[in-house]
Amino acid sequence: MANKGKDSSPDYLIGAIAELKMEIKGLRADMNRVEETVLKERLRAVEDTLTQNHLLVYAGQRSQSLNQDIGLLLKDDCQNRDKCLERYKNTIEENTKVIKHSGPKVALADLDDRIAENELMVEKTKSQQCGNCFSNFDKKLKREKRAYQEIVLVKDINNDTKVHNQTLDIPFLLQNLFEPLGNDSRLKILSIVYEGKKSFSELSKIVDLKAGHLAFHLKKLVNAKLIAQEASKGDYIITQKGLALIKEMLVLQKQS
């Protein structure tokens, strides 16, 4: 009778199968890590695209009234008015180009640089005739930055906090989420501002509410940080929290 080779022994086969299972398990773990990384990158790309789209909508609407907005910052009787109007307008338009070609986060950094550059001019012209206009434009740029920060989704997906083992804070959710949205008009306002910034008068026409009623609903949404106002009596824009909530509602709507 021929002796069985070592490679065909039951113990060897069992050991080889165990090693193979371990290798397969390791490969699966590697694949899961790769899939998780790819998924995060895709999610980050979607976030960046959504953010850029909203910034472009905002920039497009802003460009329609750019001459008028900047004109209000300048003195009517100044001989340099036209020159400064062109300078300030170009500053905003150059930043808009950065939004289109480099994305929202780069655009925000670019705006910071333009604010710093203008602040130097504010200091240089503080005691001169031009000082007031540079100061007004400084406020304009900082309002732009606040608007950008409300729109730009700067959240790092890798740093998301896990919600495991956390309980729902019912009173908090009722006050800060469900109560502000528990009204047809407020939900409609949120969806309208999601499409682009709107003035008080524009919202009044679209939602068909009297000034007092509209102000009441807007205050609820602002207090809940779902929308924000660019400045006193300025246009209303959606916040990062409002954007996130709209996206979740769209997902739930699709699933339903």
Protein backbone atom coordinates (compact mmCIF):
# COMPACT_ATOMS: atom_id res chain seq x y z
CA MET A 1 0.00 0.00 0.00
CA ALA A 2 1.41 3.40 -1.02
CA ASN A 3 1.95 5.91 1.79
CA LYS A 4 -0.18 9.06 1.68
CA GLY A 5 1.82 12.24 1.06
CA LYS A 6 2.05 14.92 3.67
CA ASP A 7 0.15 17.39 1.51
CA SER A 8 -2.89 15.13 1.41
CA SER A 9 -3.10 14.50 5.16
CA PRO A 10 -6.36 15.52 6.89
CA ASP A 11 -4.50 17.76 9.38
CA TYR A 12 -2.68 19.58 6.61
CA LEU A 13 -5.90 20.14 4.64
CA ILE A 14 -7.70 21.45 7.73
CA GLY A 15 -4.83 23.85 8.41
CA ALA A 16 -4.75 25.01 4.78
CA ILE A 17 -8.50 25.63 4.78
CA ALA A 18 -8.21 27.60 8.03
CA GLU A 19 -5.42 29.73 6.52
CA LEU A 20 -7.50 30.28 3.40
CA LYS A 21 -10.48 31.37 5.49
CA MET A 22 -8.27 33.84 7.36
CA GLU A 23 -6.98 35.25 4.06
CA ILE A 24 -10.54 35.59 2.73
CA LYS A 25 -11.58 37.30 5.95
CA GLY A 26 -8.66 39.68 5.64
CA LEU A 27 -9.52 40.40 1.99
CA ARG A 28 -13.13 41.12 2.95
CA ALA A 29 -11.96 43.51 5.67
CA ASP A 30 -9.71 45.26 3.13
CA MET A 31 -12.57 45.47 0.63
CA ASN A 32 -14.89 46.92 3.30
CA ARG A 33 -12.30 49.57 4.14
CA VAL A 34 -11.89 50.42 0.45
CA GLU A 35 -15.66 50.57 -0.07
CA GLU A 36 -16.04 52.79 3.01
CA THR A 37 -13.31 55.14 1.75
CA VAL A 38 -14.84 55.28 -1.73
CA LEU A 39 -18.29 55.93 -0.26
CA LYS A 40 -16.97 58.76 1.90
CA GLU A 41 -15.23 60.30 -1.11
CA ARG A 42 -18.44 60.06 -3.13
CA LEU A 43 -20.44 61.64 -0.30
CA ARG A 44 -17.87 64.41 -0.01
CA ALA A 45 -18.09 65.00 -3.76
CA VAL A 46 -21.90 65.19 -3.54
CA GLU A 47 -21.68 67.64 -0.63
CA ASP A 48 -19.23 69.82 -2.56
CA THR A 49 -21.41 69.76 -5.67
CA LEU A 50 -24.56 70.68 -3.74
CA THR A 51 -22.71 73.45 -1.95
CA GLN A 52 -21.25 74.84 -5.15
CA ASN A 53 -24.64 74.76 -6.84
CA HIS A 54 -26.20 76.74 -3.99
CA LEU A 55 -23.34 79.23 -3.98
CA LEU A 56 -23.67 79.69 -7.75
CA VAL A 57 -27.40 80.33 -7.39
CA TYR A 58 -26.65 82.85 -4.65
CA ALA A 59 -23.89 84.50 -6.73
CA GLY A 60 -26.13 84.63 -9.80
CA GLN A 61 -28.94 86.34 -7.92
CA ARG A 62 -26.47 88.72 -6.29
CA SER A 63 -24.98 89.72 -9.67
CA GLN A 64 -28.39 90.91 -10.86
CA SER A 65 -28.38 93.72 -8.31
CA LEU A 66 -24.61 94.13 -7.87
CA ASN A 67 -24.35 97.63 -9.40
CA GLN A 68 -27.21 98.91 -7.27
CA ASP A 69 -25.95 97.26 -4.08
CA ILE A 70 -22.44 98.65 -4.47
CA GLY A 71 -23.77 102.01 -5.63
CA LEU A 72 -25.45 102.45 -2.26
CA LEU A 73 -22.04 102.18 -0.57
CA LEU A 74 -20.55 105.11 -2.50
CA LYS A 75 -20.97 108.86 -2.26
CA ASP A 76 -23.09 110.33 -5.05
CA ASP A 77 -21.03 113.50 -5.43
CA CYS A 78 -17.57 111.88 -5.46
CA GLN A 79 -15.50 112.26 -8.63
CA ASN A 80 -14.06 108.76 -8.11
CA ARG A 81 -17.48 107.13 -7.82
CA ASP A 82 -17.41 105.36 -11.22
CA LYS A 83 -13.83 104.17 -10.69
CA CYS A 84 -14.61 102.75 -7.24
CA LEU A 85 -17.86 101.20 -8.44
CA GLU A 86 -15.89 99.29 -11.07
CA ARG A 87 -13.20 98.31 -8.54
CA TYR A 88 -15.66 96.95 -5.98
CA LYS A 89 -17.75 95.22 -8.62
CA ASN A 90 -14.67 93.49 -10.06
CA THR A 91 -13.70 92.29 -6.58
CA ILE A 92 -17.05 90.51 -6.19
CA GLU A 93 -17.07 89.19 -9.77
CA GLU A 94 -13.53 87.80 -9.48
CA ASN A 95 -14.61 85.91 -6.38
CA THR A 96 -17.60 84.55 -8.31
CA LYS A 97 -15.18 83.17 -10.92
CA VAL A 98 -13.37 81.34 -8.12
CA ILE A 99 -16.68 79.75 -7.09
CA LYS A 100 -17.24 78.50 -10.65
CA HIS A 101 -13.74 77.18 -11.29
CA SER A 102 -12.32 76.17 -7.90
CA GLY A 103 -15.27 75.35 -5.66
CA PRO A 104 -16.84 76.78 -2.52
CA LYS A 105 -14.09 76.22 0.03
CA VAL A 106 -11.47 77.88 -2.18
CA ALA A 107 -13.96 80.70 -2.85
CA LEU A 108 -14.37 81.27 0.88
CA ALA A 109 -10.60 81.40 1.34
CA ASP A 110 -10.37 83.81 -1.60
CA LEU A 111 -13.01 86.03 -0.01
CA ASP A 112 -10.97 86.08 3.20
CA ASP A 113 -7.98 87.35 1.19
CA ARG A 114 -10.11 90.07 -0.41
CA ILE A 115 -11.43 91.12 3.01
CA ALA A 116 -7.86 91.34 4.33
CA GLU A 117 -6.79 93.38 1.30
CA ASN A 118 -9.72 95.77 1.70
CA GLU A 119 -9.05 96.14 5.45
CA LEU A 120 -5.58 97.44 4.57
CA MET A 121 -7.22 100.06 2.37
CA VAL A 122 -9.58 100.96 5.22
CA GLU A 123 -6.57 101.65 7.43
CA LYS A 124 -4.73 103.61 4.73
CA THR A 125 -7.71 105.83 3.92
CA LYS A 126 -9.13 106.16 7.45
CA SER A 127 -8.60 109.93 7.60
CA GLN A 128 -9.22 110.53 3.90
CA GLN A 129 -12.34 111.09 1.82
CA CYS A 130 -12.27 107.49 0.53
CA GLY A 131 -12.19 105.98 4.01
CA ASN A 132 -15.95 105.84 4.45
CA CYS A 133 -16.52 104.02 1.16
CA PHE A 134 -13.79 101.44 1.86
CA SER A 135 -15.31 100.92 5.30
CA ASN A 136 -18.76 100.39 3.78
CA PHE A 137 -17.34 97.90 1.28
CA ASP A 138 -15.57 96.10 4.14
CA LYS A 139 -18.97 95.57 5.77
CA LYS A 140 -20.36 94.35 2.44
CA LEU A 141 -17.58 91.76 2.04
CA LYS A 142 -18.07 90.52 5.61
CA ARG A 143 -21.81 90.13 4.96
CA GLU A 144 -20.86 88.10 1.90
CA LYS A 145 -18.63 85.92 4.07
CA ARG A 146 -21.45 85.29 6.56
CA ALA A 147 -23.72 84.31 3.68
CA TYR A 148 -21.05 81.95 2.30
CA GLN A 149 -20.56 80.35 5.70
CA GLU A 150 -24.28 79.66 5.96
CA ILE A 151 -24.21 77.97 2.55
CA VAL A 152 -20.84 76.19 2.46
CA LEU A 153 -20.97 72.66 3.86
CA VAL A 154 -17.62 72.58 5.62
CA LYS A 155 -18.42 69.50 7.71
CA ASP A 156 -15.72 66.83 7.59
CA ILE A 157 -17.40 63.48 6.95
CA ASN A 158 -14.58 61.67 8.74
CA ASN A 159 -15.33 63.60 11.92
CA ASP A 160 -19.05 62.81 12.06
CA THR A 161 -20.09 62.02 15.61
CA LYS A 162 -21.85 58.71 16.09
CA VAL A 163 -25.32 58.76 17.53
CA HIS A 164 -25.25 55.27 18.98
CA ASN A 165 -26.49 55.02 22.55
CA GLN A 166 -27.91 58.55 22.45
CA THR A 167 -31.50 59.28 23.33
CA LEU A 168 -33.81 61.78 21.67
CA ASP A 169 -34.22 65.08 23.49
CA ILE A 170 -37.97 65.39 22.84
CA PRO A 171 -38.51 68.92 24.26
CA PHE A 172 -35.48 70.23 22.35
CA LEU A 173 -36.62 68.67 19.07
CA LEU A 174 -40.16 69.95 19.49
CA GLN A 175 -38.98 73.50 20.15
CA ASN A 176 -36.14 73.69 17.60
CA LEU A 177 -37.33 71.46 14.78
CA PHE A 178 -40.88 70.18 14.73
CA GLU A 179 -42.61 73.32 16.01
CA PRO A 180 -40.82 75.64 13.53
CA LEU A 181 -41.72 73.27 10.67
CA GLY A 182 -45.19 72.37 11.93
CA ASN A 183 -46.84 74.93 9.70
CA ASP A 184 -47.60 74.96 5.96
CA SER A 185 -46.40 78.53 5.46
CA ARG A 186 -43.09 78.03 7.27
CA LEU A 187 -42.36 74.83 5.38
CA LYS A 188 -43.16 76.60 2.12
CA ILE A 189 -40.87 79.52 3.06
CA LEU A 190 -38.03 77.09 3.79
CA SER A 191 -38.47 75.35 0.42
CA ILE A 192 -38.54 78.71 -1.40
CA VAL A 193 -35.37 79.99 0.27
CA TYR A 194 -33.76 76.62 -0.48
CA GLU A 195 -34.05 77.53 -4.18
CA GLY A 196 -32.29 80.87 -3.65
CA LYS A 197 -32.20 83.95 -1.46
CA LYS A 198 -35.37 86.03 -1.33
CA SER A 199 -36.27 89.46 -0.02
CA PHE A 200 -39.13 90.07 2.40
CA SER A 201 -41.31 91.51 -0.37
CA GLU A 202 -40.58 88.58 -2.71
CA LEU A 203 -41.54 86.07 -0.03
CA SER A 204 -44.68 88.04 0.76
CA LYS A 205 -45.82 87.76 -2.87
CA ILE A 206 -44.94 84.07 -3.26
CA VAL A 207 -46.38 82.86 0.04
CA ASP A 208 -49.26 85.36 -0.12
CA LEU A 209 -49.03 86.48 3.50
CA LYS A 210 -49.53 89.87 5.11
CA ALA A 211 -46.38 91.56 6.42
CA GLY A 212 -47.14 90.86 10.07
CA HIS A 213 -47.88 87.17 9.51
CA LEU A 214 -44.81 86.71 7.30
CA ALA A 215 -42.57 88.40 9.87
CA PHE A 216 -43.90 86.05 12.54
CA HIS A 217 -43.11 82.93 10.48
CA LEU A 218 -39.70 84.22 9.40
CA LYS A 219 -38.74 84.88 13.01
CA LYS A 220 -39.61 81.28 13.91
CA LEU A 221 -37.36 79.94 11.13
CA VAL A 222 -34.52 82.35 11.95
CA ASN A 223 -34.65 81.49 15.67
CA ALA A 224 -34.47 77.80 14.74
CA LYS A 225 -31.40 78.63 12.58
CA LEU A 226 -33.04 77.11 9.50
CA ILE A 227 -32.75 80.38 7.57
CA ALA A 228 -30.73 83.56 8.13
CA GLN A 229 -30.94 87.19 7.11
CA GLU A 230 -27.89 88.61 5.36
CA ALA A 231 -28.10 91.86 7.30
CA SER A 232 -30.69 94.10 8.88
CA LYS A 233 -33.56 94.25 6.37
CA GLY A 234 -31.47 92.11 3.99
CA ASP A 235 -32.43 89.06 1.94
CA TYR A 236 -33.18 85.69 3.55
CA ILE A 237 -30.95 82.69 2.77
CA ILE A 238 -31.01 79.06 3.85
CA THR A 239 -28.50 77.95 6.49
CA GLN A 240 -26.36 74.82 6.63
CA LYS A 241 -28.82 73.34 9.10
CA GLY A 242 -31.71 74.18 6.77
CA LEU A 243 -29.90 72.60 3.81
CA ALA A 244 -29.20 69.42 5.75
CA LEU A 245 -32.83 69.20 6.83
CA ILE A 246 -34.14 69.72 3.28
CA LYS A 247 -31.86 66.94 2.01
CA GLU A 248 -33.08 64.55 4.69
CA MET A 249 -36.71 65.38 3.89
CA LEU A 250 -36.10 64.76 0.17
CA VAL A 251 -34.61 61.34 1.00
CA LEU A 252 -37.57 60.45 3.23
CA GLN A 253 -39.99 61.72 0.56
CA LYS A 254 -38.35 59.48 -2.03
CA GLN A 255 -38.39 56.48 0.29
CA SER A 256 -42.06 57.02 1.03
